[in-house]
Amino acid sequence: MTKLRSICVYCGSSDGTDPGMRAAAEAFGRAMGEAGIALVYGGGDHGLMGAVARAVLAAGGSVTGIIPDFLRGKERMIDGDDGDERRLEMIVVEDMHTRKRMMFEQADAFVALPGGIGTLEELVEQMTWVQLDRHSKPVVIADVAGFWAPLLELIEHMRRQGFIRAASDVRYQVAGTVEEIIPAIRAAMDRAARAGAEKASLDMPM
């Protein structure tokens, strides 16, 4: 089984109007911490971002927050509680491009919890990179309370209209509950490992 060491989580810097969204973020962070999976995220202390990070820390996990300098005043950085310092790393970078590159490099998989335009942009970028075969890391859409249903329907609409073709399909996983996310990632990683092993064996000279 491929080792799952870290997950990059994209989510909102606000709580939204449904209290269940924050509860889901906290539950997922707790599950990550208990499983020994490190969190990579945008570094903010507000909303679902802060909720998932604090839950990971409270469950004994480690957190890496990556935030561009210009956002430090808008999205106060998480500072951790006493005893968290060794498990919390905050990295300040110069721009959004550097932030996204570092988040990609440090993560084994990507999860989109509910969020706004920034969350959507980060999610779609990873889906595009997978579609273009730039990487094979799992991308999971956490469809908490049907939050991402309109996006999923839009993607299906694109398929029906012929703008997403079978030869270059968009590959992602959908989890209806936070409990499904980590198993979905591990299953996707195992499938990718098997596919890689099979390709390697076919490419070997006879």
Protein backbone atom coordinates (compact mmCIF):
# COMPACT_ATOMS: atom_id res chain seq x y z
CA MET A 1 0.00 0.00 0.00
CA THR A 2 1.28 3.47 -0.94
CA LYS A 3 2.01 5.62 2.10
CA LEU A 4 -0.27 8.64 2.53
CA ARG A 5 1.80 11.20 4.41
CA SER A 6 0.14 14.54 3.72
CA ILE A 7 -3.01 16.09 2.28
CA CYS A 8 -3.42 19.58 0.90
CA VAL A 9 -6.85 20.88 1.93
CA TYR A 10 -8.56 23.71 0.08
CA CYS A 11 -11.45 25.34 1.92
CA GLY A 12 -13.10 28.63 2.80
CA SER A 13 -11.68 31.37 4.99
CA SER A 14 -15.21 31.84 6.38
CA ASP A 15 -17.58 29.40 8.07
CA GLY A 16 -20.45 29.79 5.62
CA THR A 17 -24.08 29.79 6.71
CA ASP A 18 -24.41 26.07 7.50
CA PRO A 19 -22.87 25.10 10.88
CA GLY A 20 -22.42 21.61 9.50
CA MET A 21 -19.65 22.85 7.24
CA ARG A 22 -17.42 23.85 10.15
CA ALA A 23 -18.27 20.60 11.93
CA ALA A 24 -17.21 18.68 8.82
CA ALA A 25 -13.92 20.59 8.62
CA GLU A 26 -13.20 19.86 12.27
CA ALA A 27 -14.10 16.18 11.84
CA PHE A 28 -11.81 15.84 8.84
CA GLY A 29 -8.95 17.58 10.61
CA ARG A 30 -9.40 15.28 13.60
CA ALA A 31 -9.39 12.22 11.31
CA MET A 32 -6.18 13.40 9.66
CA GLY A 33 -4.45 14.03 12.98
CA GLU A 34 -5.49 10.66 14.39
CA ALA A 35 -4.27 8.90 11.23
CA GLY A 36 -0.89 10.66 11.38
CA ILE A 37 -1.51 12.50 8.09
CA ALA A 38 0.00 15.97 7.89
CA LEU A 39 -2.04 18.95 6.73
CA VAL A 40 -0.82 21.34 4.06
CA TYR A 41 -3.07 24.37 3.68
CA GLY A 42 -3.25 28.10 3.04
CA GLY A 43 -2.17 29.19 6.51
CA GLY A 44 -5.19 31.24 7.59
CA ASP A 45 -6.80 31.18 11.03
CA HIS A 46 -10.34 32.12 9.96
CA GLY A 47 -13.28 30.00 8.86
CA LEU A 48 -12.94 26.41 7.73
CA MET A 49 -9.21 26.90 7.15
CA GLY A 50 -8.58 27.62 10.80
CA ALA A 51 -11.03 24.93 11.91
CA VAL A 52 -9.36 22.11 10.01
CA ALA A 53 -5.86 23.21 11.06
CA ARG A 54 -6.70 23.48 14.74
CA ALA A 55 -8.45 20.11 14.65
CA VAL A 56 -5.37 18.45 13.14
CA LEU A 57 -3.16 19.97 15.84
CA ALA A 58 -5.60 19.03 18.63
CA ALA A 59 -5.52 15.41 17.42
CA GLY A 60 -1.72 15.31 17.55
CA GLY A 61 -1.05 15.88 13.85
CA SER A 62 1.28 18.29 12.11
CA VAL A 63 0.37 21.33 10.02
CA THR A 64 2.19 23.31 7.35
CA GLY A 65 0.58 26.62 6.47
CA ILE A 66 1.76 28.49 3.38
CA ILE A 67 0.57 32.08 3.02
CA PRO A 68 1.61 34.93 0.73
CA ASP A 69 2.89 38.04 2.43
CA PHE A 70 0.07 40.27 1.20
CA LEU A 71 -2.56 38.06 2.88
CA ARG A 72 -1.06 38.12 6.35
CA GLY A 73 -3.11 41.17 7.31
CA LYS A 74 -6.36 39.83 5.82
CA GLU A 75 -6.15 36.21 6.95
CA ARG A 76 -4.48 36.18 10.36
CA MET A 77 -2.03 33.30 10.48
CA ILE A 78 -2.72 30.42 12.81
CA ASP A 79 -0.32 30.52 15.75
CA GLY A 80 -1.06 27.25 17.55
CA ASP A 81 -1.40 26.64 21.26
CA ASP A 82 1.30 25.76 23.77
CA GLY A 83 2.91 22.49 22.79
CA ASP A 84 1.95 22.79 19.11
CA GLU A 85 5.06 24.66 17.98
CA ARG A 86 7.02 21.62 16.88
CA ARG A 87 4.08 20.37 14.83
CA LEU A 88 3.19 23.71 13.23
CA GLU A 89 5.22 25.27 10.43
CA MET A 90 4.19 28.59 8.92
CA ILE A 91 5.81 29.61 5.65
CA VAL A 92 5.41 33.13 4.26
CA VAL A 93 5.99 33.41 0.50
CA GLU A 94 6.03 36.35 -1.88
CA ASP A 95 3.06 35.53 -4.11
CA MET A 96 0.18 33.17 -4.87
CA HIS A 97 2.09 31.25 -7.53
CA THR A 98 4.81 30.32 -5.05
CA ARG A 99 2.20 29.37 -2.48
CA LYS A 100 0.40 27.01 -4.86
CA ARG A 101 3.64 25.45 -6.08
CA MET A 102 4.83 24.73 -2.54
CA MET A 103 1.45 23.35 -1.52
CA PHE A 104 1.57 21.01 -4.51
CA GLU A 105 5.11 19.87 -3.78
CA GLN A 106 4.39 19.05 -0.13
CA ALA A 107 1.13 17.15 -0.65
CA ASP A 108 0.38 13.56 -1.60
CA ALA A 109 -3.28 14.35 -2.38
CA PHE A 110 -5.73 17.23 -2.58
CA VAL A 111 -9.13 17.68 -0.93
CA ALA A 112 -11.64 20.45 -1.54
CA LEU A 113 -13.96 21.15 1.37
CA PRO A 114 -16.66 23.83 0.92
CA GLY A 115 -15.32 27.26 0.08
CA GLY A 116 -15.50 30.21 -2.28
CA ILE A 117 -13.88 31.36 -5.50
CA GLY A 118 -10.33 30.77 -4.23
CA THR A 119 -11.17 27.21 -3.22
CA LEU A 120 -12.82 26.60 -6.58
CA GLU A 121 -9.84 27.99 -8.47
CA GLU A 122 -7.36 25.81 -6.59
CA LEU A 123 -9.52 22.71 -7.05
CA VAL A 124 -10.01 23.26 -10.78
CA GLU A 125 -6.29 23.89 -11.28
CA GLN A 126 -5.44 20.50 -9.77
CA MET A 127 -8.15 18.79 -11.82
CA THR A 128 -6.70 20.42 -14.95
CA TRP A 129 -3.18 19.26 -14.13
CA VAL A 130 -4.43 15.69 -13.67
CA GLN A 131 -6.34 15.89 -16.94
CA LEU A 132 -3.16 17.03 -18.70
CA ASP A 133 -1.16 14.22 -17.04
CA ARG A 134 1.06 16.67 -15.15
CA HIS A 135 0.59 14.57 -12.01
CA SER A 136 -1.40 11.59 -10.75
CA LYS A 137 -2.01 12.64 -7.15
CA PRO A 138 -5.61 12.00 -6.03
CA VAL A 139 -8.03 14.93 -6.08
CA VAL A 140 -11.10 14.53 -3.85
CA ILE A 141 -14.17 16.74 -3.90
CA ALA A 142 -15.73 16.61 -0.42
CA ASP A 143 -19.38 17.10 -1.36
CA VAL A 144 -20.48 17.91 2.20
CA ALA A 145 -24.27 18.31 2.31
CA GLY A 146 -24.27 18.49 -1.49
CA PHE A 147 -22.21 21.69 -1.52
CA TRP A 148 -20.36 20.82 -4.73
CA ALA A 149 -23.37 19.33 -6.53
CA PRO A 150 -23.69 22.30 -8.95
CA LEU A 151 -20.04 21.95 -9.96
CA LEU A 152 -20.39 18.20 -10.45
CA GLU A 153 -23.44 18.78 -12.63
CA LEU A 154 -21.53 21.40 -14.64
CA ILE A 155 -18.72 18.92 -15.28
CA GLU A 156 -21.28 16.36 -16.47
CA HIS A 157 -22.81 19.04 -18.70
CA MET A 158 -19.38 19.67 -20.21
CA ARG A 159 -19.05 15.95 -20.90
CA ARG A 160 -22.48 15.78 -22.53
CA GLN A 161 -21.65 18.78 -24.70
CA GLY A 162 -18.41 17.19 -25.87
CA PHE A 163 -15.99 19.59 -24.18
CA ILE A 164 -14.58 16.87 -21.92
CA ARG A 165 -13.71 13.88 -24.06
CA ALA A 166 -13.16 10.33 -22.86
CA ALA A 167 -9.56 10.40 -24.10
CA SER A 168 -8.80 13.33 -21.77
CA ASP A 169 -11.35 12.91 -19.02
CA VAL A 170 -11.28 14.82 -15.74
CA ARG A 171 -10.21 12.39 -13.03
CA TYR A 172 -11.32 13.03 -9.47
CA GLN A 173 -13.00 11.31 -6.54
CA VAL A 174 -16.19 12.43 -4.81
CA ALA A 175 -16.75 11.84 -1.09
CA GLY A 176 -20.21 12.49 0.33
CA THR A 177 -18.97 12.47 3.93
CA VAL A 178 -15.67 13.30 5.60
CA GLU A 179 -15.36 9.66 6.70
CA GLU A 180 -15.07 8.63 3.04
CA ILE A 181 -12.22 10.99 2.14
CA ILE A 182 -9.12 9.20 3.44
CA PRO A 183 -10.23 5.74 2.22
CA ALA A 184 -10.98 7.26 -1.21
CA ILE A 185 -7.49 8.77 -1.38
CA ARG A 186 -5.79 5.55 -0.33
CA ALA A 187 -7.79 3.54 -2.87
CA ALA A 188 -6.86 6.00 -5.64
CA MET A 189 -3.18 5.87 -4.66
CA ASP A 190 -3.23 2.07 -4.74
CA ARG A 191 -4.88 2.07 -8.18
CA ALA A 192 -2.24 4.48 -9.48
CA ALA A 193 0.56 2.32 -8.03
CA ARG A 194 -0.85 -0.82 -9.66
CA ALA A 195 -1.27 0.95 -12.99
CA GLY A 196 2.32 2.19 -12.80
CA ALA A 197 3.61 -1.28 -12.00
CA GLU A 198 1.65 -2.81 -14.90
CA LYS A 199 2.95 -0.16 -17.32
CA ALA A 200 6.52 -0.74 -16.13
CA SER A 201 6.18 -4.49 -16.70
CA LEU A 202 4.81 -3.97 -20.22
CA ASP A 203 7.66 -1.58 -21.04
CA MET A 204 10.32 -4.09 -19.97
CA PRO A 205 12.24 -5.65 -22.89
CA MET A 206 11.48 -9.29 -23.46
